[in-house]
Amino acid sequence: MINELVKKYIGKYCMVSTGTLGTAAIGEITTMQDNWIEVSTKKGDMLLNADFVTNLSEMPLNKHKQK
């Protein structure tokens, strides 16, 4: 079920957080495959395991353009 929820954010600028594990990615979600989320950030691509994601939220585009 998590895969279906994440797939609606593909192509959108989001913040993906793993909570207490200390990993957060801010960027565009590019793909979701086999329980892995690929996020394209300013520093490069990141892979996050969907089992550990505690928060996923879409970021406003104007915030993205300011940074």
Protein backbone atom coordinates (compact mmCIF):
# COMPACT_ATOMS: atom_id res chain seq x y z
CA MET A 1 0.00 0.00 0.00
CA ILE A 2 2.86 2.43 0.73
CA ASN A 3 4.02 2.11 -2.88
CA GLU A 4 0.68 3.32 -4.18
CA LEU A 5 0.70 6.30 -1.85
CA VAL A 6 4.25 7.33 -2.77
CA LYS A 7 3.63 6.94 -6.51
CA LYS A 8 1.24 9.89 -6.48
CA TYR A 9 4.21 12.10 -5.51
CA ILE A 10 6.43 11.03 -8.43
CA GLY A 11 7.57 14.11 -10.34
CA LYS A 12 6.84 16.43 -7.40
CA TYR A 13 9.25 18.37 -5.18
CA CYS A 14 8.99 16.80 -1.71
CA MET A 15 10.63 16.27 1.66
CA VAL A 16 11.04 12.59 2.55
CA SER A 17 12.08 11.87 6.14
CA THR A 18 13.00 8.70 8.00
CA GLY A 19 12.44 10.30 11.39
CA THR A 20 14.74 9.07 14.13
CA LEU A 21 17.08 7.41 11.63
CA GLY A 22 18.25 10.93 10.79
CA THR A 23 17.90 10.85 7.03
CA ALA A 24 15.87 13.44 5.16
CA ALA A 25 15.86 14.17 1.46
CA ILE A 26 14.47 17.28 -0.17
CA GLY A 27 14.06 17.05 -3.92
CA GLU A 28 12.03 15.56 -6.73
CA ILE A 29 10.80 12.00 -6.34
CA THR A 30 11.79 10.36 -9.61
CA THR A 31 10.93 6.67 -9.19
CA MET A 32 9.46 4.15 -6.78
CA GLN A 33 10.43 0.54 -7.33
CA ASP A 34 10.71 -2.56 -5.13
CA ASN A 35 10.07 -0.53 -1.95
CA TRP A 36 12.83 1.99 -2.78
CA ILE A 37 12.19 5.69 -3.37
CA GLU A 38 14.64 7.58 -5.59
CA VAL A 39 14.91 11.29 -4.82
CA SER A 40 16.84 13.70 -7.04
CA THR A 41 18.40 16.37 -4.79
CA LYS A 42 20.79 19.27 -5.38
CA LYS A 43 23.67 17.02 -4.28
CA GLY A 44 22.66 14.04 -6.42
CA ASP A 45 20.31 11.09 -6.27
CA MET A 46 19.35 9.35 -3.03
CA LEU A 47 17.64 6.02 -2.44
CA LEU A 48 15.42 5.63 0.61
CA ASN A 49 13.75 2.43 1.77
CA ALA A 50 10.01 3.07 1.96
CA ASP A 51 9.70 0.88 5.08
CA PHE A 52 11.57 3.52 7.09
CA VAL A 53 9.83 6.65 5.76
CA THR A 54 7.92 8.41 8.53
CA ASN A 55 6.97 11.61 6.70
CA LEU A 56 6.51 12.55 3.07
CA SER A 57 5.25 16.02 2.22
CA GLU A 58 5.09 18.06 -0.95
CA MET A 59 7.07 21.29 -0.76
CA PRO A 60 5.82 24.53 -2.33
CA LEU A 61 7.54 25.36 -5.60
CA ASN A 62 8.30 28.95 -4.51
CA LYS A 63 10.40 27.61 -1.59
CA HIS A 64 12.33 25.42 -4.02
CA LYS A 65 13.10 28.33 -6.37
CA GLN A 66 14.33 30.62 -3.57
CA LYS A 67 17.09 28.25 -2.44
